[in-house]
Structures are given as structure tokens and as C-alpha cells.
Amino acid sequence: MSTAMGGNVVEFGQLKPGDHVELVHRVTVGVRSWTVNVRGRVLWTERRAQGLHFARTPDETTYCDLIVLERPDGERTTVCLDEFTRIHRV
């Protein structure tokens, strides 16, 4: 879940609670898109099974990788990763 952009790029599977990271995440809504940077301490990571809003075969399960972070001001935030999200160790 990360691309080679240089400097401390980390794969999702290498993260553990307590790691300090910065996520570079692209948000798209309709035709608009923008980049968001989120910094914080990893509280936990999770691969969550997702239910889709349309019928699929019963044996086809989709997953979402997510990271729950605690930001420097104490706020908690959850980021769902996609193939364009970059994770950098800080």
C-alpha cells in the first residue's frame, strides 16, 4: 500500500502500534480531488471485511486496510488505505 517516493516509505504490514508515521492520502469527491497529509502515532492497524452495496457472489469478500492514528493534539483519526496512499515513517 505504498509507492516508492523515497525516504522512509513503509508497507502496511510492517506497521506496529507506537510507530510515528505520516500518510499522504488522495481524496476524490466527484470530479474534485486533493491530497491530505496526516501525521500521528499508530494505535492499531486492521484489515476489515467490507460489505458492498450491490449483490456479488457469496464467496467473494472484499477487504479494506485501515490505520487508526492519534494525532499530536490527541485527536484520533482513521484512514482507509488505497493503492495510492503513501506511508512514511517519521
N, C-alpha and C. Protein backbone atom coordinates (compact mmCIF):
# COMPACT_ATOMS: atom_id res chain seq x y z
N MET A 1 0.79 -1.20 0.00
CA MET A 1 0.00 0.00 0.00
C MET A 1 0.84 1.27 0.00
N SER A 2 1.98 1.21 -0.54
CA SER A 2 2.78 2.43 -0.64
C SER A 2 3.54 2.41 -1.94
N THR A 3 3.90 3.58 -2.39
CA THR A 3 4.66 3.69 -3.62
C THR A 3 6.04 4.22 -3.31
N ALA A 4 6.98 3.93 -4.17
CA ALA A 4 8.35 4.37 -3.93
C ALA A 4 8.48 5.85 -4.25
N MET A 5 8.47 6.67 -3.21
CA MET A 5 8.63 8.10 -3.38
C MET A 5 9.93 8.54 -2.73
N GLY A 6 10.61 7.61 -2.11
CA GLY A 6 11.86 7.92 -1.45
C GLY A 6 11.64 8.14 0.04
N GLY A 7 12.72 7.99 0.80
CA GLY A 7 12.74 8.33 2.22
C GLY A 7 11.72 7.65 3.11
N ASN A 8 12.11 6.61 3.80
CA ASN A 8 11.34 6.01 4.88
C ASN A 8 9.95 5.52 4.49
N VAL A 9 9.76 5.07 3.28
CA VAL A 9 8.47 4.53 2.88
C VAL A 9 8.28 3.18 3.55
N VAL A 10 7.08 2.95 4.13
CA VAL A 10 6.80 1.75 4.90
C VAL A 10 5.60 1.04 4.28
N GLU A 11 5.64 -0.29 4.29
CA GLU A 11 4.49 -1.08 3.85
C GLU A 11 3.52 -1.24 5.01
N PHE A 12 2.24 -1.41 4.69
CA PHE A 12 1.19 -1.56 5.70
C PHE A 12 1.50 -2.68 6.69
N GLY A 13 1.95 -3.82 6.20
CA GLY A 13 2.22 -4.97 7.05
C GLY A 13 3.36 -4.78 8.02
N GLN A 14 4.21 -3.77 7.82
CA GLN A 14 5.35 -3.51 8.70
C GLN A 14 5.00 -2.61 9.87
N LEU A 15 3.82 -2.01 9.86
CA LEU A 15 3.44 -1.07 10.93
C LEU A 15 3.08 -1.81 12.20
N LYS A 16 3.40 -1.17 13.33
CA LYS A 16 3.03 -1.72 14.63
C LYS A 16 2.62 -0.56 15.54
N PRO A 17 1.81 -0.83 16.57
CA PRO A 17 1.40 0.23 17.48
C PRO A 17 2.61 0.98 18.05
N GLY A 18 2.49 2.29 18.10
CA GLY A 18 3.56 3.14 18.61
C GLY A 18 4.42 3.78 17.53
N ASP A 19 4.36 3.26 16.30
CA ASP A 19 5.12 3.87 15.20
C ASP A 19 4.57 5.27 14.91
N HIS A 20 5.47 6.19 14.63
CA HIS A 20 5.08 7.55 14.22
C HIS A 20 5.20 7.62 12.71
N VAL A 21 4.08 7.96 12.06
CA VAL A 21 4.03 7.94 10.60
C VAL A 21 3.36 9.20 10.05
N GLU A 22 3.59 9.42 8.77
CA GLU A 22 2.86 10.43 8.02
C GLU A 22 2.25 9.72 6.82
N LEU A 23 0.94 9.90 6.62
CA LEU A 23 0.23 9.31 5.50
C LEU A 23 -0.06 10.40 4.47
N VAL A 24 0.24 10.12 3.24
CA VAL A 24 -0.11 11.03 2.14
C VAL A 24 -1.24 10.33 1.40
N HIS A 25 -2.44 10.91 1.48
CA HIS A 25 -3.67 10.25 1.04
C HIS A 25 -4.39 11.15 0.05
N ARG A 26 -4.79 10.61 -1.08
CA ARG A 26 -5.54 11.38 -2.09
C ARG A 26 -7.03 11.17 -1.87
N VAL A 27 -7.76 12.27 -1.74
CA VAL A 27 -9.20 12.24 -1.53
C VAL A 27 -9.87 12.70 -2.82
N THR A 28 -10.85 11.92 -3.29
CA THR A 28 -11.58 12.29 -4.50
C THR A 28 -13.07 12.29 -4.20
N VAL A 29 -13.72 13.39 -4.53
CA VAL A 29 -15.16 13.52 -4.39
C VAL A 29 -15.68 14.08 -5.70
N GLY A 30 -16.41 13.26 -6.43
CA GLY A 30 -16.89 13.69 -7.75
C GLY A 30 -15.72 13.91 -8.68
N VAL A 31 -15.64 15.09 -9.27
CA VAL A 31 -14.55 15.41 -10.19
C VAL A 31 -13.40 16.12 -9.48
N ARG A 32 -13.60 16.50 -8.22
CA ARG A 32 -12.54 17.18 -7.45
C ARG A 32 -11.69 16.16 -6.71
N SER A 33 -10.40 16.45 -6.59
CA SER A 33 -9.52 15.62 -5.76
C SER A 33 -8.43 16.49 -5.18
N TRP A 34 -7.94 16.11 -4.02
CA TRP A 34 -6.89 16.84 -3.34
C TRP A 34 -6.10 15.87 -2.48
N THR A 35 -4.91 16.30 -2.06
CA THR A 35 -4.03 15.47 -1.25
C THR A 35 -4.08 15.93 0.20
N VAL A 36 -4.14 14.97 1.11
CA VAL A 36 -4.19 15.25 2.55
C VAL A 36 -3.01 14.55 3.21
N ASN A 37 -2.27 15.25 4.06
CA ASN A 37 -1.19 14.67 4.85
C ASN A 37 -1.67 14.53 6.29
N VAL A 38 -1.50 13.35 6.85
CA VAL A 38 -1.92 13.09 8.23
C VAL A 38 -0.72 12.52 8.97
N ARG A 39 -0.37 13.14 10.11
CA ARG A 39 0.73 12.65 10.95
C ARG A 39 0.17 12.18 12.27
N GLY A 40 0.79 11.14 12.81
CA GLY A 40 0.37 10.67 14.11
C GLY A 40 1.05 9.38 14.51
N ARG A 41 0.64 8.88 15.69
CA ARG A 41 1.16 7.65 16.25
C ARG A 41 0.15 6.54 15.97
N VAL A 42 0.63 5.42 15.47
CA VAL A 42 -0.24 4.30 15.14
C VAL A 42 -0.79 3.70 16.43
N LEU A 43 -2.12 3.65 16.54
CA LEU A 43 -2.76 2.97 17.67
C LEU A 43 -3.00 1.50 17.31
N TRP A 44 -3.53 1.25 16.11
CA TRP A 44 -3.66 -0.11 15.61
C TRP A 44 -3.91 -0.08 14.12
N THR A 45 -3.66 -1.23 13.50
CA THR A 45 -3.97 -1.42 12.08
C THR A 45 -4.95 -2.58 11.99
N GLU A 46 -5.71 -2.59 10.90
CA GLU A 46 -6.75 -3.61 10.78
C GLU A 46 -7.05 -3.87 9.32
N ARG A 47 -7.31 -5.10 8.99
CA ARG A 47 -7.83 -5.46 7.67
C ARG A 47 -9.27 -5.87 7.90
N ARG A 48 -10.19 -5.02 7.47
CA ARG A 48 -11.61 -5.20 7.77
C ARG A 48 -12.37 -5.69 6.55
N ALA A 49 -13.18 -6.72 6.74
CA ALA A 49 -14.04 -7.21 5.65
C ALA A 49 -15.13 -6.17 5.39
N GLN A 50 -15.38 -5.89 4.14
CA GLN A 50 -16.34 -4.86 3.75
C GLN A 50 -17.56 -5.50 3.10
N GLY A 51 -18.73 -4.92 3.36
CA GLY A 51 -19.94 -5.30 2.65
C GLY A 51 -20.14 -4.31 1.52
N LEU A 52 -20.41 -4.80 0.35
CA LEU A 52 -20.62 -3.91 -0.78
C LEU A 52 -22.11 -3.63 -0.94
N HIS A 53 -22.43 -2.57 -1.65
CA HIS A 53 -23.81 -2.13 -1.78
C HIS A 53 -24.51 -2.72 -2.99
N PHE A 54 -23.94 -3.76 -3.57
CA PHE A 54 -24.59 -4.45 -4.67
C PHE A 54 -24.27 -5.94 -4.55
N ALA A 55 -25.13 -6.75 -5.14
CA ALA A 55 -25.01 -8.20 -4.99
C ALA A 55 -23.76 -8.73 -5.70
N ARG A 56 -23.06 -9.62 -5.01
CA ARG A 56 -21.90 -10.30 -5.56
C ARG A 56 -22.00 -11.77 -5.19
N THR A 57 -21.06 -12.56 -5.64
CA THR A 57 -21.10 -13.98 -5.29
C THR A 57 -20.84 -14.14 -3.79
N PRO A 58 -21.45 -15.13 -3.15
CA PRO A 58 -21.33 -15.28 -1.69
C PRO A 58 -19.90 -15.53 -1.20
N ASP A 59 -19.05 -16.14 -2.04
CA ASP A 59 -17.70 -16.45 -1.59
C ASP A 59 -16.70 -15.34 -1.90
N GLU A 60 -17.16 -14.20 -2.40
CA GLU A 60 -16.26 -13.10 -2.73
C GLU A 60 -16.32 -12.04 -1.63
N THR A 61 -15.26 -11.94 -0.86
CA THR A 61 -15.17 -10.97 0.22
C THR A 61 -14.17 -9.89 -0.16
N THR A 62 -14.53 -8.65 0.10
CA THR A 62 -13.60 -7.55 -0.15
C THR A 62 -13.10 -7.02 1.20
N TYR A 63 -11.89 -6.48 1.19
CA TYR A 63 -11.26 -6.00 2.41
C TYR A 63 -10.79 -4.58 2.26
N CYS A 64 -10.66 -3.90 3.41
CA CYS A 64 -10.13 -2.55 3.45
C CYS A 64 -9.05 -2.51 4.53
N ASP A 65 -7.85 -2.06 4.18
CA ASP A 65 -6.79 -1.87 5.16
C ASP A 65 -6.97 -0.49 5.77
N LEU A 66 -6.96 -0.43 7.10
CA LEU A 66 -7.10 0.88 7.74
C LEU A 66 -6.12 1.04 8.88
N ILE A 67 -5.80 2.29 9.14
CA ILE A 67 -4.88 2.65 10.22
C ILE A 67 -5.59 3.63 11.13
N VAL A 68 -5.58 3.37 12.43
CA VAL A 68 -6.12 4.31 13.41
C VAL A 68 -4.92 5.03 14.02
N LEU A 69 -4.93 6.36 13.90
CA LEU A 69 -3.82 7.20 14.38
C LEU A 69 -4.27 8.12 15.51
N GLU A 70 -3.33 8.43 16.38
CA GLU A 70 -3.54 9.50 17.36
C GLU A 70 -2.66 10.67 16.92
N ARG A 71 -3.30 11.77 16.58
CA ARG A 71 -2.56 12.95 16.12
C ARG A 71 -1.90 13.65 17.30
N PRO A 72 -0.92 14.54 17.05
CA PRO A 72 -0.19 15.19 18.14
C PRO A 72 -1.09 15.94 19.14
N ASP A 73 -2.27 16.41 18.68
CA ASP A 73 -3.17 17.14 19.58
C ASP A 73 -4.11 16.21 20.36
N GLY A 74 -3.94 14.87 20.20
CA GLY A 74 -4.75 13.90 20.92
C GLY A 74 -5.95 13.39 20.14
N GLU A 75 -6.27 14.02 19.02
CA GLU A 75 -7.39 13.58 18.20
C GLU A 75 -7.08 12.23 17.58
N ARG A 76 -8.09 11.36 17.50
CA ARG A 76 -7.94 10.07 16.82
C ARG A 76 -8.58 10.16 15.45
N THR A 77 -7.93 9.56 14.46
CA THR A 77 -8.45 9.55 13.11
C THR A 77 -8.20 8.19 12.47
N THR A 78 -9.07 7.82 11.56
CA THR A 78 -8.95 6.55 10.85
C THR A 78 -8.77 6.84 9.37
N VAL A 79 -7.78 6.21 8.76
CA VAL A 79 -7.53 6.38 7.33
C VAL A 79 -7.65 5.01 6.67
N CYS A 80 -8.55 4.92 5.68
CA CYS A 80 -8.67 3.72 4.86
C CYS A 80 -7.68 3.84 3.70
N LEU A 81 -6.84 2.86 3.53
CA LEU A 81 -5.79 2.94 2.53
C LEU A 81 -6.28 2.46 1.17
N ASP A 82 -5.69 3.03 0.13
CA ASP A 82 -5.89 2.52 -1.22
C ASP A 82 -4.52 2.39 -1.87
N GLU A 83 -4.50 2.05 -3.13
CA GLU A 83 -3.22 1.78 -3.79
C GLU A 83 -2.37 3.03 -3.99
N PHE A 84 -2.94 4.22 -3.79
CA PHE A 84 -2.19 5.46 -3.98
C PHE A 84 -1.71 6.08 -2.67
N THR A 85 -2.09 5.53 -1.53
CA THR A 85 -1.68 6.06 -0.23
C THR A 85 -0.22 5.73 0.03
N ARG A 86 0.54 6.73 0.47
CA ARG A 86 1.95 6.53 0.82
C ARG A 86 2.10 6.66 2.33
N ILE A 87 2.86 5.75 2.92
CA ILE A 87 3.11 5.74 4.37
C ILE A 87 4.60 6.01 4.57
N HIS A 88 4.91 7.05 5.34
CA HIS A 88 6.30 7.41 5.64
C HIS A 88 6.51 7.35 7.15
N ARG A 89 7.60 6.71 7.57
CA ARG A 89 7.95 6.72 8.99
C ARG A 89 8.58 8.06 9.34
N VAL A 90 8.16 8.64 10.45
CA VAL A 90 8.65 9.96 10.87
C VAL A 90 9.65 9.80 11.99
